[in-house]
Amino acid sequence: MSFNPEREGKLEENLILACDNQTSEFYKLTGYGAMMDLDIIAVDGKEVNFKENPFETVYFDNTNPTSESKRVIRVKNSSPILVPFHWSIYKQKNAQKISLENEDTHYRVEPAQGKIQGG
C-alpha cells in the first residue's frame, strides 16, 4: 500500500492485513497531505514580484559559446513538508518523453539535488 493523498490535511485509512494462516490484523494508517508550494523569491539577490516584474526576470542573457553566465535563484518552500529535489536540463523544452539520456551537459545547476525544508 502506498500513501497517495488526494487532499490536504491529516488523513486516516483503515487497513486489514490478512495472512495465509487465516489470521487478520487491523491497522490504522495516518498521514498528512500537503500541497506543494514552491516560490522563486529572489534572483541575484533582488526580490522578485512576478506581478510587477514578469517571469523574464529569471531568464539568462545571450552568451557566446565559450563564455559563462551565472544566476542565483532563491526558492522558498512554503509547504509544511520537506521536499527532495533534483534538477535536469533537457535539449528540447517540450519533449513528449523525458529521459536522463537526453540531458544537455552544457549547463549546470548547483546544487544538483538536495532537500528544501518546509515552511
PDB file of N, CA and C in Angstrom:
ATOM      1  N   MET A   1       0.851  -1.177   0.000  1.00  0.00           N
ATOM      2  CA  MET A   1       0.000   0.000   0.000  1.00  0.00           C
ATOM      3  C   MET A   1       0.893   1.234   0.000  1.00  0.00           C
ATOM      4  N   SER A   2       0.472   2.245  -0.691  1.00  0.00           N
ATOM      5  CA  SER A   2       1.231   3.488  -0.690  1.00  0.00           C
ATOM      6  C   SER A   2       0.328   4.636  -0.256  1.00  0.00           C
ATOM      7  N   PHE A   3       0.936   5.654   0.322  1.00  0.00           N
ATOM      8  CA  PHE A   3       0.198   6.844   0.756  1.00  0.00           C
ATOM      9  C   PHE A   3       0.162   7.821  -0.392  1.00  0.00           C
ATOM     10  N   ASN A   4      -1.003   8.057  -0.937  1.00  0.00           N
ATOM     11  CA  ASN A   4      -1.173   8.953  -2.072  1.00  0.00           C
ATOM     12  C   ASN A   4      -2.360   9.871  -1.793  1.00  0.00           C
ATOM     13  N   PRO A   5      -2.159  10.932  -0.983  1.00  0.00           N
ATOM     14  CA  PRO A   5      -3.290  11.776  -0.577  1.00  0.00           C
ATOM     15  C   PRO A   5      -3.884  12.546  -1.759  1.00  0.00           C
ATOM     16  N   GLU A   6      -5.192  12.689  -1.726  1.00  0.00           N
ATOM     17  CA  GLU A   6      -5.898  13.445  -2.763  1.00  0.00           C
ATOM     18  C   GLU A   6      -6.419  14.776  -2.236  1.00  0.00           C
ATOM     19  N   ARG A   7      -6.110  15.069  -0.973  1.00  0.00           N
ATOM     20  CA  ARG A   7      -6.495  16.349  -0.385  1.00  0.00           C
ATOM     21  C   ARG A   7      -5.498  16.701   0.715  1.00  0.00           C
ATOM     22  N   GLU A   8      -5.572  17.925   1.187  1.00  0.00           N
ATOM     23  CA  GLU A   8      -4.659  18.389   2.223  1.00  0.00           C
ATOM     24  C   GLU A   8      -5.179  18.041   3.611  1.00  0.00           C
ATOM     25  N   GLY A   9      -4.273  17.993   4.564  1.00  0.00           N
ATOM     26  CA  GLY A   9      -4.631  17.786   5.958  1.00  0.00           C
ATOM     27  C   GLY A   9      -4.326  16.381   6.435  1.00  0.00           C
ATOM     28  N   LYS A  10      -4.714  16.119   7.698  1.00  0.00           N
ATOM     29  CA  LYS A  10      -4.473  14.813   8.305  1.00  0.00           C
ATOM     30  C   LYS A  10      -5.440  13.808   7.684  1.00  0.00           C
ATOM     31  N   LEU A  11      -4.915  12.651   7.282  1.00  0.00           N
ATOM     32  CA  LEU A  11      -5.722  11.617   6.645  1.00  0.00           C
ATOM     33  C   LEU A  11      -5.513  10.299   7.368  1.00  0.00           C
ATOM     34  N   GLU A  12      -6.587   9.531   7.497  1.00  0.00           N
ATOM     35  CA  GLU A  12      -6.512   8.213   8.123  1.00  0.00           C
ATOM     36  C   GLU A  12      -7.133   7.188   7.192  1.00  0.00           C
ATOM     37  N   GLU A  13      -6.555   5.999   7.182  1.00  0.00           N
ATOM     38  CA  GLU A  13      -7.032   4.907   6.332  1.00  0.00           C
ATOM     39  C   GLU A  13      -6.990   3.626   7.154  1.00  0.00           C
ATOM     40  N   ASN A  14      -8.097   2.882   7.141  1.00  0.00           N
ATOM     41  CA  ASN A  14      -8.129   1.593   7.824  1.00  0.00           C
ATOM     42  C   ASN A  14      -7.538   0.536   6.904  1.00  0.00           C
ATOM     43  N   LEU A  15      -6.762  -0.375   7.489  1.00  0.00           N
ATOM     44  CA  LEU A  15      -6.080  -1.404   6.724  1.00  0.00           C
ATOM     45  C   LEU A  15      -6.245  -2.742   7.428  1.00  0.00           C
ATOM     46  N   ILE A  16      -6.594  -3.752   6.656  1.00  0.00           N
ATOM     47  CA  ILE A  16      -6.678  -5.107   7.185  1.00  0.00           C
ATOM     48  C   ILE A  16      -5.552  -5.903   6.542  1.00  0.00           C
ATOM     49  N   LEU A  17      -4.676  -6.444   7.387  1.00  0.00           N
ATOM     50  CA  LEU A  17      -3.577  -7.269   6.911  1.00  0.00           C
ATOM     51  C   LEU A  17      -3.986  -8.728   7.089  1.00  0.00           C
ATOM     52  N   ALA A  18      -4.252  -9.413   5.981  1.00  0.00           N
ATOM     53  CA  ALA A  18      -4.685 -10.810   6.029  1.00  0.00           C
ATOM     54  C   ALA A  18      -3.501 -11.711   5.720  1.00  0.00           C
ATOM     55  N   CYS A  19      -3.299 -12.706   6.581  1.00  0.00           N
ATOM     56  CA  CYS A  19      -2.186 -13.640   6.415  1.00  0.00           C
ATOM     57  C   CYS A  19      -2.691 -14.959   5.845  1.00  0.00           C
ATOM     58  N   ASP A  20      -1.791 -15.742   5.284  1.00  0.00           N
ATOM     59  CA  ASP A  20      -2.177 -17.017   4.690  1.00  0.00           C
ATOM     60  C   ASP A  20      -2.519 -18.084   5.739  1.00  0.00           C
ATOM     61  N   ASN A  21      -2.298 -17.793   7.026  1.00  0.00           N
ATOM     62  CA  ASN A  21      -2.672 -18.747   8.077  1.00  0.00           C
ATOM     63  C   ASN A  21      -4.065 -18.449   8.638  1.00  0.00           C
ATOM     64  N   GLN A  22      -4.881 -17.710   7.874  1.00  0.00           N
ATOM     65  CA  GLN A  22      -6.265 -17.387   8.214  1.00  0.00           C
ATOM     66  C   GLN A  22      -6.402 -16.396   9.376  1.00  0.00           C
ATOM     67  N   THR A  23      -5.354 -15.642   9.671  1.00  0.00           N
ATOM     68  CA  THR A  23      -5.441 -14.606  10.704  1.00  0.00           C
ATOM     69  C   THR A  23      -5.434 -13.234  10.046  1.00  0.00           C
ATOM     70  N   SER A  24      -5.967 -12.261  10.762  1.00  0.00           N
ATOM     71  CA  SER A  24      -6.018 -10.888  10.256  1.00  0.00           C
ATOM     72  C   SER A  24      -5.604  -9.930  11.360  1.00  0.00           C
ATOM     73  N   GLU A  25      -4.983  -8.844  10.957  1.00  0.00           N
ATOM     74  CA  GLU A  25      -4.630  -7.772  11.878  1.00  0.00           C
ATOM     75  C   GLU A  25      -5.206  -6.478  11.319  1.00  0.00           C
ATOM     76  N   PHE A  26      -5.743  -5.642  12.212  1.00  0.00           N
ATOM     77  CA  PHE A  26      -6.333  -4.384  11.799  1.00  0.00           C
ATOM     78  C   PHE A  26      -5.398  -3.240  12.179  1.00  0.00           C
ATOM     79  N   TYR A  27      -5.157  -2.356  11.234  1.00  0.00           N
ATOM     80  CA  TYR A  27      -4.271  -1.212  11.442  1.00  0.00           C
ATOM     81  C   TYR A  27      -4.958   0.054  10.968  1.00  0.00           C
ATOM     82  N   LYS A  28      -4.517   1.169  11.510  1.00  0.00           N
ATOM     83  CA  LYS A  28      -4.975   2.474  11.037  1.00  0.00           C
ATOM     84  C   LYS A  28      -3.739   3.247  10.591  1.00  0.00           C
ATOM     85  N   LEU A  29      -3.693   3.582   9.319  1.00  0.00           N
ATOM     86  CA  LEU A  29      -2.587   4.384   8.786  1.00  0.00           C
ATOM     87  C   LEU A  29      -2.962   5.851   8.890  1.00  0.00           C
ATOM     88  N   THR A  30      -2.027   6.646   9.350  1.00  0.00           N
ATOM     89  CA  THR A  30      -2.250   8.082   9.468  1.00  0.00           C
ATOM     90  C   THR A  30      -1.159   8.796   8.688  1.00  0.00           C
ATOM     91  N   GLY A  31      -1.553   9.765   7.895  1.00  0.00           N
ATOM     92  CA  GLY A  31      -0.596  10.546   7.114  1.00  0.00           C
ATOM     93  C   GLY A  31      -1.057  11.980   7.008  1.00  0.00           C
ATOM     94  N   TYR A  32      -0.234  12.784   6.384  1.00  0.00           N
ATOM     95  CA  TYR A  32      -0.537  14.202   6.232  1.00  0.00           C
ATOM     96  C   TYR A  32      -0.390  14.575   4.765  1.00  0.00           C
ATOM     97  N   GLY A  33      -1.454  15.047   4.156  1.00  0.00           N
ATOM     98  CA  GLY A  33      -1.406  15.502   2.769  1.00  0.00           C
ATOM     99  C   GLY A  33      -1.101  16.985   2.725  1.00  0.00           C
ATOM    100  N   ALA A  34      -0.153  17.368   1.908  1.00  0.00           N
ATOM    101  CA  ALA A  34       0.232  18.785   1.817  1.00  0.00           C
ATOM    102  C   ALA A  34       0.351  19.192   0.358  1.00  0.00           C
ATOM    103  N   MET A  35      -0.064  20.406   0.047  1.00  0.00           N
ATOM    104  CA  MET A  35       0.044  20.955  -1.295  1.00  0.00           C
ATOM    105  C   MET A  35       1.448  21.532  -1.475  1.00  0.00           C
ATOM    106  N   MET A  36       2.093  21.172  -2.596  1.00  0.00           N
ATOM    107  CA  MET A  36       3.411  21.738  -2.896  1.00  0.00           C
ATOM    108  C   MET A  36       3.273  23.237  -3.145  1.00  0.00           C
ATOM    109  N   ASP A  37       4.147  24.012  -2.573  1.00  0.00           N
ATOM    110  CA  ASP A  37       4.095  25.457  -2.726  1.00  0.00           C
ATOM    111  C   ASP A  37       5.523  26.002  -2.750  1.00  0.00           C
ATOM    112  N   LEU A  38       6.144  25.968  -3.935  1.00  0.00           N
ATOM    113  CA  LEU A  38       7.492  26.497  -4.108  1.00  0.00           C
ATOM    114  C   LEU A  38       7.409  27.836  -4.835  1.00  0.00           C
ATOM    115  N   ASP A  39       8.155  28.804  -4.365  1.00  0.00           N
ATOM    116  CA  ASP A  39       8.159  30.129  -4.974  1.00  0.00           C
ATOM    117  C   ASP A  39       9.579  30.601  -5.207  1.00  0.00           C
ATOM    118  N   ILE A  40       9.817  31.259  -6.334  1.00  0.00           N
ATOM    119  CA  ILE A  40      11.079  31.964  -6.564  1.00  0.00           C
ATOM    120  C   ILE A  40      10.914  33.309  -5.880  1.00  0.00           C
ATOM    121  N   ILE A  41      11.751  33.573  -4.879  1.00  0.00           N
ATOM    122  CA  ILE A  41      11.587  34.819  -4.128  1.00  0.00           C
ATOM    123  C   ILE A  41      12.670  35.848  -4.407  1.00  0.00           C
ATOM    124  N   ALA A  42      13.808  35.395  -4.984  1.00  0.00           N
ATOM    125  CA  ALA A  42      14.870  36.352  -5.305  1.00  0.00           C
ATOM    126  C   ALA A  42      15.724  35.804  -6.442  1.00  0.00           C
ATOM    127  N   VAL A  43      16.197  36.720  -7.288  1.00  0.00           N
ATOM    128  CA  VAL A  43      17.130  36.385  -8.361  1.00  0.00           C
ATOM    129  C   VAL A  43      18.300  37.348  -8.253  1.00  0.00           C
ATOM    130  N   ASP A  44      19.489  36.771  -8.123  1.00  0.00           N
ATOM    131  CA  ASP A  44      20.715  37.569  -7.979  1.00  0.00           C
ATOM    132  C   ASP A  44      20.608  38.581  -6.834  1.00  0.00           C
ATOM    133  N   GLY A  45      19.980  38.158  -5.729  1.00  0.00           N
ATOM    134  CA  GLY A  45      19.872  38.995  -4.546  1.00  0.00           C
ATOM    135  C   GLY A  45      18.749  40.017  -4.576  1.00  0.00           C
ATOM    136  N   LYS A  46      18.012  40.125  -5.680  1.00  0.00           N
ATOM    137  CA  LYS A  46      16.898  41.071  -5.770  1.00  0.00           C
ATOM    138  C   LYS A  46      15.592  40.318  -5.605  1.00  0.00           C
ATOM    139  N   GLU A  47      14.698  40.846  -4.731  1.00  0.00           N
ATOM    140  CA  GLU A  47      13.401  40.213  -4.539  1.00  0.00           C
ATOM    141  C   GLU A  47      12.613  40.212  -5.840  1.00  0.00           C
ATOM    142  N   VAL A  48      11.846  39.147  -6.039  1.00  0.00           N
ATOM    143  CA  VAL A  48      11.062  39.010  -7.258  1.00  0.00           C
ATOM    144  C   VAL A  48       9.591  39.158  -6.924  1.00  0.00           C
ATOM    145  N   ASN A  49       8.936  40.029  -7.654  1.00  0.00           N
ATOM    146  CA  ASN A  49       7.483  40.168  -7.577  1.00  0.00           C
ATOM    147  C   ASN A  49       6.979  39.975  -8.996  1.00  0.00           C
ATOM    148  N   PHE A  50       6.425  38.793  -9.285  1.00  0.00           N
ATOM    149  CA  PHE A  50       6.056  38.458 -10.655  1.00  0.00           C
ATOM    150  C   PHE A  50       4.884  39.290 -11.171  1.00  0.00           C
ATOM    151  N   LYS A  51       4.167  39.970 -10.287  1.00  0.00           N
ATOM    152  CA  LYS A  51       3.101  40.874 -10.760  1.00  0.00           C
ATOM    153  C   LYS A  51       3.714  42.139 -11.338  1.00  0.00           C
ATOM    154  N   GLU A  52       4.754  42.646 -10.679  1.00  0.00           N
ATOM    155  CA  GLU A  52       5.420  43.856 -11.151  1.00  0.00           C
ATOM    156  C   GLU A  52       6.513  43.546 -12.165  1.00  0.00           C
ATOM    157  N   ASN A  53       7.259  42.451 -11.939  1.00  0.00           N
ATOM    158  CA  ASN A  53       8.334  42.043 -12.832  1.00  0.00           C
ATOM    159  C   ASN A  53       7.944  40.710 -13.473  1.00  0.00           C
ATOM    160  N   PRO A  54       7.792  40.673 -14.780  1.00  0.00           N
ATOM    161  CA  PRO A  54       7.379  39.426 -15.428  1.00  0.00           C
ATOM    162  C   PRO A  54       8.416  38.321 -15.268  1.00  0.00           C
ATOM    163  N   PHE A  55       8.034  37.108 -15.658  1.00  0.00           N
ATOM    164  CA  PHE A  55       8.859  35.920 -15.474  1.00  0.00           C
ATOM    165  C   PHE A  55      10.218  36.046 -16.160  1.00  0.00           C
ATOM    166  N   GLU A  56      10.374  36.959 -17.109  1.00  0.00           N
ATOM    167  CA  GLU A  56      11.647  37.152 -17.787  1.00  0.00           C
ATOM    168  C   GLU A  56      12.762  37.511 -16.815  1.00  0.00           C
ATOM    169  N   THR A  57      12.415  37.858 -15.578  1.00  0.00           N
ATOM    170  CA  THR A  57      13.400  38.184 -14.548  1.00  0.00           C
ATOM    171  C   THR A  57      14.411  37.068 -14.371  1.00  0.00           C
ATOM    172  N   VAL A  58      13.995  35.818 -14.565  1.00  0.00           N
ATOM    173  CA  VAL A  58      14.891  34.692 -14.324  1.00  0.00           C
ATOM    174  C   VAL A  58      15.575  34.202 -15.596  1.00  0.00           C
ATOM    175  N   TYR A  59      15.336  34.827 -16.738  1.00  0.00           N
ATOM    176  CA  TYR A  59      15.992  34.406 -17.982  1.00  0.00           C
ATOM    177  C   TYR A  59      17.451  34.816 -17.979  1.00  0.00           C
ATOM    178  N   PHE A  60      18.260  34.068 -18.721  1.00  0.00           N
ATOM    179  CA  PHE A  60      19.669  34.399 -18.905  1.00  0.00           C
ATOM    180  C   PHE A  60      19.834  35.288 -20.132  1.00  0.00           C
ATOM    181  N   ASP A  61      20.828  36.187 -20.083  1.00  0.00           N
ATOM    182  CA  ASP A  61      21.174  36.970 -21.260  1.00  0.00           C
ATOM    183  C   ASP A  61      21.859  36.066 -22.268  1.00  0.00           C
ATOM    184  N   ASN A  62      21.851  36.449 -23.540  1.00  0.00           N
ATOM    185  CA  ASN A  62      22.560  35.691 -24.573  1.00  0.00           C
ATOM    186  C   ASN A  62      24.063  35.707 -24.286  1.00  0.00           C
ATOM    187  N   THR A  63      24.712  34.589 -24.560  1.00  0.00           N
ATOM    188  CA  THR A  63      26.154  34.498 -24.336  1.00  0.00           C
ATOM    189  C   THR A  63      26.832  33.877 -25.542  1.00  0.00           C
ATOM    190  N   ASN A  64      28.153  33.971 -25.575  1.00  0.00           N
ATOM    191  CA  ASN A  64      28.944  33.316 -26.617  1.00  0.00           C
ATOM    192  C   ASN A  64      29.240  31.891 -26.196  1.00  0.00           C
ATOM    193  N   PRO A  65      29.581  31.015 -27.160  1.00  0.00           N
ATOM    194  CA  PRO A  65      29.819  29.604 -26.821  1.00  0.00           C
ATOM    195  C   PRO A  65      30.904  29.362 -25.776  1.00  0.00           C
ATOM    196  N   THR A  66      31.902  30.224 -25.692  1.00  0.00           N
ATOM    197  CA  THR A  66      32.988  29.980 -24.728  1.00  0.00           C
ATOM    198  C   THR A  66      32.826  30.768 -23.425  1.00  0.00           C
ATOM    199  N   SER A  67      31.784  31.539 -23.297  1.00  0.00           N
ATOM    200  CA  SER A  67      31.608  32.362 -22.100  1.00  0.00           C
ATOM    201  C   SER A  67      30.767  31.634 -21.044  1.00  0.00           C
ATOM    202  N   GLU A  68      30.753  32.196 -19.852  1.00  0.00           N
ATOM    203  CA  GLU A  68      29.949  31.658 -18.766  1.00  0.00           C
ATOM    204  C   GLU A  68      28.985  32.719 -18.283  1.00  0.00           C
ATOM    205  N   SER A  69      27.845  32.268 -17.803  1.00  0.00           N
ATOM    206  CA  SER A  69      26.845  33.158 -17.233  1.00  0.00           C
ATOM    207  C   SER A  69      26.298  32.489 -15.984  1.00  0.00           C
ATOM    208  N   LYS A  70      26.075  33.271 -14.935  1.00  0.00           N
ATOM    209  CA  LYS A  70      25.634  32.692 -13.674  1.00  0.00           C
ATOM    210  C   LYS A  70      24.475  33.507 -13.120  1.00  0.00           C
ATOM    211  N   ARG A  71      23.451  32.805 -12.595  1.00  0.00           N
ATOM    212  CA  ARG A  71      22.332  33.449 -11.899  1.00  0.00           C
ATOM    213  C   ARG A  71      22.150  32.720 -10.577  1.00  0.00           C
ATOM    214  N   VAL A  72      21.790  33.429  -9.549  1.00  0.00           N
ATOM    215  CA  VAL A  72      21.487  32.835  -8.255  1.00  0.00           C
ATOM    216  C   VAL A  72      19.994  33.014  -8.017  1.00  0.00           C
ATOM    217  N   ILE A  73      19.299  31.891  -7.930  1.00  0.00           N
ATOM    218  CA  ILE A  73      17.850  31.916  -7.744  1.00  0.00           C
ATOM    219  C   ILE A  73      17.540  31.356  -6.359  1.00  0.00           C
ATOM    220  N   ARG A  74      16.815  32.124  -5.569  1.00  0.00           N
ATOM    221  CA  ARG A  74      16.439  31.691  -4.220  1.00  0.00           C
ATOM    222  C   ARG A  74      15.001  31.197  -4.253  1.00  0.00           C
ATOM    223  N   VAL A  75      14.809  29.950  -3.791  1.00  0.00           N
ATOM    224  CA  VAL A  75      13.500  29.305  -3.816  1.00  0.00           C
ATOM    225  C   VAL A  75      13.035  29.093  -2.384  1.00  0.00           C
ATOM    226  N   LYS A  76      11.754  29.366  -2.134  1.00  0.00           N
ATOM    227  CA  LYS A  76      11.174  29.147  -0.806  1.00  0.00           C
ATOM    228  C   LYS A  76      10.130  28.042  -0.893  1.00  0.00           C
ATOM    229  N   ASN A  77      10.195  27.111   0.036  1.00  0.00           N
ATOM    230  CA  ASN A  77       9.220  26.041   0.156  1.00  0.00           C
ATOM    231  C   ASN A  77       8.219  26.457   1.227  1.00  0.00           C
ATOM    232  N   SER A  78       7.025  26.902   0.811  1.00  0.00           N
ATOM    233  CA  SER A  78       6.004  27.333   1.766  1.00  0.00           C
ATOM    234  C   SER A  78       5.128  26.178   2.239  1.00  0.00           C
ATOM    235  N   SER A  79       5.310  24.999   1.677  1.00  0.00           N
ATOM    236  CA  SER A  79       4.543  23.841   2.136  1.00  0.00           C
ATOM    237  C   SER A  79       5.111  23.366   3.474  1.00  0.00           C
ATOM    238  N   PRO A  80       4.321  22.636   4.261  1.00  0.00           N
ATOM    239  CA  PRO A  80       4.786  22.239   5.587  1.00  0.00           C
ATOM    240  C   PRO A  80       5.684  21.007   5.601  1.00  0.00           C
ATOM    241  N   ILE A  81       6.061  20.493   4.429  1.00  0.00           N
ATOM    242  CA  ILE A  81       6.845  19.259   4.387  1.00  0.00           C
ATOM    243  C   ILE A  81       8.192  19.475   3.716  1.00  0.00           C
ATOM    244  N   LEU A  82       9.151  18.644   4.054  1.00  0.00           N
ATOM    245  CA  LEU A  82      10.462  18.626   3.410  1.00  0.00           C
ATOM    246  C   LEU A  82      10.290  18.150   1.965  1.00  0.00           C
ATOM    247  N   VAL A  83      10.910  18.832   1.017  1.00  0.00           N
ATOM    248  CA  VAL A  83      10.763  18.481  -0.392  1.00  0.00           C
ATOM    249  C   VAL A  83      12.117  18.089  -0.973  1.00  0.00           C
ATOM    250  N   PRO A  84      12.273  16.797  -1.331  1.00  0.00           N
ATOM    251  CA  PRO A  84      13.500  16.402  -2.039  1.00  0.00           C
ATOM    252  C   PRO A  84      13.424  16.914  -3.477  1.00  0.00           C
ATOM    253  N   PHE A  85      14.574  17.289  -4.068  1.00  0.00           N
ATOM    254  CA  PHE A  85      14.563  17.801  -5.435  1.00  0.00           C
ATOM    255  C   PHE A  85      15.791  17.327  -6.195  1.00  0.00           C
ATOM    256  N   HIS A  86      15.703  17.370  -7.510  1.00  0.00           N
ATOM    257  CA  HIS A  86      16.861  17.246  -8.401  1.00  0.00           C
ATOM    258  C   HIS A  86      16.562  18.043  -9.652  1.00  0.00           C
ATOM    259  N   TRP A  87      17.590  18.617 -10.225  1.00  0.00           N
ATOM    260  CA  TRP A  87      17.452  19.414 -11.439  1.00  0.00           C
ATOM    261  C   TRP A  87      17.911  18.585 -12.633  1.00  0.00           C
ATOM    262  N   SER A  88      17.216  18.742 -13.747  1.00  0.00           N
ATOM    263  CA  SER A  88      17.642  18.153 -15.013  1.00  0.00           C
ATOM    264  C   SER A  88      17.427  19.187 -16.096  1.00  0.00           C
ATOM    265  N   ILE A  89      18.348  19.248 -17.027  1.00  0.00           N
ATOM    266  CA  ILE A  89      18.275  20.204 -18.130  1.00  0.00           C
ATOM    267  C   ILE A  89      18.176  19.404 -19.416  1.00  0.00           C
ATOM    268  N   TYR A  90      17.205  19.724 -20.251  1.00  0.00           N
ATOM    269  CA  TYR A  90      16.945  18.946 -21.459  1.00  0.00           C
ATOM    270  C   TYR A  90      17.098  19.797 -22.704  1.00  0.00           C
ATOM    271  N   LYS A  91      17.488  19.149 -23.813  1.00  0.00           N
ATOM    272  CA  LYS A  91      17.704  19.848 -25.076  1.00  0.00           C
ATOM    273  C   LYS A  91      16.398  20.380 -25.658  1.00  0.00           C
ATOM    274  N   GLN A  92      15.331  19.622 -25.559  1.00  0.00           N
ATOM    275  CA  GLN A  92      14.041  20.034 -26.110  1.00  0.00           C
ATOM    276  C   GLN A  92      13.118  20.434 -24.969  1.00  0.00           C
ATOM    277  N   LYS A  93      12.599  21.650 -25.029  1.00  0.00           N
ATOM    278  CA  LYS A  93      11.822  22.126 -23.904  1.00  0.00           C
ATOM    279  C   LYS A  93      10.427  21.517 -23.837  1.00  0.00           C
ATOM    280  N   ASN A  94       9.884  21.042 -24.958  1.00  0.00           N
ATOM    281  CA  ASN A  94       8.550  20.449 -24.953  1.00  0.00           C
ATOM    282  C   ASN A  94       8.593  18.983 -25.349  1.00  0.00           C
ATOM    283  N   ALA A  95       9.569  18.258 -24.875  1.00  0.00           N
ATOM    284  CA  ALA A  95       9.713  16.851 -25.240  1.00  0.00           C
ATOM    285  C   ALA A  95       8.537  16.044 -24.696  1.00  0.00           C
ATOM    286  N   GLN A  96       8.005  15.131 -25.509  1.00  0.00           N
ATOM    287  CA  GLN A  96       6.898  14.280 -25.081  1.00  0.00           C
ATOM    288  C   GLN A  96       7.355  13.280 -24.038  1.00  0.00           C
ATOM    289  N   LYS A  97       8.541  12.729 -24.219  1.00  0.00           N
ATOM    290  CA  LYS A  97       9.076  11.746 -23.284  1.00  0.00           C
ATOM    291  C   LYS A  97      10.421  12.262 -22.790  1.00  0.00           C
ATOM    292  N   ILE A  98      10.549  12.401 -21.489  1.00  0.00           N
ATOM    293  CA  ILE A  98      11.786  12.914 -20.906  1.00  0.00           C
ATOM    294  C   ILE A  98      12.577  11.740 -20.338  1.00  0.00           C
ATOM    295  N   SER A  99      13.833  11.633 -20.739  1.00  0.00           N
ATOM    296  CA  SER A  99      14.699  10.602 -20.172  1.00  0.00           C
ATOM    297  C   SER A  99      16.046  11.236 -19.852  1.00  0.00           C
ATOM    298  N   LEU A 100      16.740  10.660 -18.885  1.00  0.00           N
ATOM    299  CA  LEU A 100      18.014  11.228 -18.456  1.00  0.00           C
ATOM    300  C   LEU A 100      19.063  11.183 -19.557  1.00  0.00           C
ATOM    301  N   GLU A 101      18.902  10.290 -20.541  1.00  0.00           N
ATOM    302  CA  GLU A 101      19.861  10.220 -21.651  1.00  0.00           C
ATOM    303  C   GLU A 101      19.813  11.485 -22.514  1.00  0.00           C
ATOM    304  N   ASN A 102      18.717  12.237 -22.440  1.00  0.00           N
ATOM    305  CA  ASN A 102      18.570  13.451 -23.243  1.00  0.00           C
ATOM    306  C   ASN A 102      19.109  14.694 -22.539  1.00  0.00           C
ATOM    307  N   GLU A 103      19.723  14.513 -21.388  1.00  0.00           N
ATOM    308  CA  GLU A 103      20.224  15.676 -20.667  1.00  0.00           C
ATOM    309  C   GLU A 103      21.326  16.371 -21.454  1.00  0.00           C
ATOM    310  N   ASP A 104      21.300  17.687 -21.411  1.00  0.00           N
ATOM    311  CA  ASP A 104      22.298  18.509 -22.081  1.00  0.00           C
ATOM    312  C   ASP A 104      23.378  18.853 -21.064  1.00  0.00           C
ATOM    313  N   THR A 105      24.624  18.593 -21.376  1.00  0.00           N
ATOM    314  CA  THR A 105      25.703  18.799 -20.408  1.00  0.00           C
ATOM    315  C   THR A 105      26.385  20.161 -20.527  1.00  0.00           C
ATOM    316  N   HIS A 106      25.853  21.056 -21.342  1.00  0.00           N
ATOM    317  CA  HIS A 106      26.461  22.388 -21.481  1.00  0.00           C
ATOM    318  C   HIS A 106      26.072  23.317 -20.342  1.00  0.00           C
ATOM    319  N   TYR A 107      25.124  22.890 -19.519  1.00  0.00           N
ATOM    320  CA  TYR A 107      24.623  23.720 -18.433  1.00  0.00           C
ATOM    321  C   TYR A 107      24.777  22.974 -17.122  1.00  0.00           C
ATOM    322  N   ARG A 108      24.830  23.741 -16.055  1.00  0.00           N
ATOM    323  CA  ARG A 108      24.995  23.147 -14.737  1.00  0.00           C
ATOM    324  C   ARG A 108      24.115  23.896 -13.742  1.00  0.00           C
ATOM    325  N   VAL A 109      23.463  23.153 -12.863  1.00  0.00           N
ATOM    326  CA  VAL A 109      22.671  23.743 -11.787  1.00  0.00           C
ATOM    327  C   VAL A 109      23.232  23.196 -10.481  1.00  0.00           C
ATOM    328  N   GLU A 110      23.533  24.087  -9.551  1.00  0.00           N
ATOM    329  CA  GLU A 110      24.089  23.670  -8.269  1.00  0.00           C
ATOM    330  C   GLU A 110      23.244  24.226  -7.138  1.00  0.00           C
ATOM    331  N   PRO A 111      22.925  23.461  -6.136  1.00  0.00           N
ATOM    332  CA  PRO A 111      23.195  22.033  -6.031  1.00  0.00           C
ATOM    333  C   PRO A 111      22.288  21.253  -6.982  1.00  0.00           C
ATOM    334  N   ALA A 112      22.803  20.152  -7.509  1.00  0.00           N
ATOM    335  CA  ALA A 112      22.063  19.341  -8.469  1.00  0.00           C
ATOM    336  C   ALA A 112      20.919  18.598  -7.814  1.00  0.00           C
ATOM    337  N   GLN A 113      21.044  18.331  -6.521  1.00  0.00           N
ATOM    338  CA  GLN A 113      19.964  17.665  -5.796  1.00  0.00           C
ATOM    339  C   GLN A 113      20.075  18.001  -4.325  1.00  0.00           C
ATOM    340  N   GLY A 114      19.017  17.744  -3.588  1.00  0.00           N
ATOM    341  CA  GLY A 114      19.032  18.016  -2.154  1.00  0.00           C
ATOM    342  C   GLY A 114      17.624  18.002  -1.605  1.00  0.00           C
ATOM    343  N   LYS A 115      17.432  18.717  -0.508  1.00  0.00           N
ATOM    344  CA  LYS A 115      16.127  18.800   0.141  1.00  0.00           C
ATOM    345  C   LYS A 115      15.900  20.233   0.563  1.00  0.00           C
ATOM    346  N   ILE A 116      14.666  20.716   0.356  1.00  0.00           N
ATOM    347  CA  ILE A 116      14.285  22.070   0.767  1.00  0.00           C
ATOM    348  C   ILE A 116      13.373  21.934   1.981  1.00  0.00           C
ATOM    349  N   GLN A 117      13.783  22.527   3.087  1.00  0.00           N
ATOM    350  CA  GLN A 117      12.992  22.456   4.331  1.00  0.00           C
ATOM    351  C   GLN A 117      11.625  23.072   4.131  1.00  0.00           C
ATOM    352  N   GLY A 118      10.642  22.550   4.822  1.00  0.00           N
ATOM    353  CA  GLY A 118       9.291  23.085   4.768  1.00  0.00           C
ATOM    354  C   GLY A 118       9.140  24.352   5.583  1.00  0.00           C
ATOM    355  N   GLY A 119       8.154  25.151   5.207  1.00  0.00           N
ATOM    356  CA  GLY A 119       7.845  26.364   5.962  1.00  0.00           C
ATOM    357  C   GLY A 119       8.686  27.520   5.556  1.00  0.00           C
TER     358      GLY A 119
END
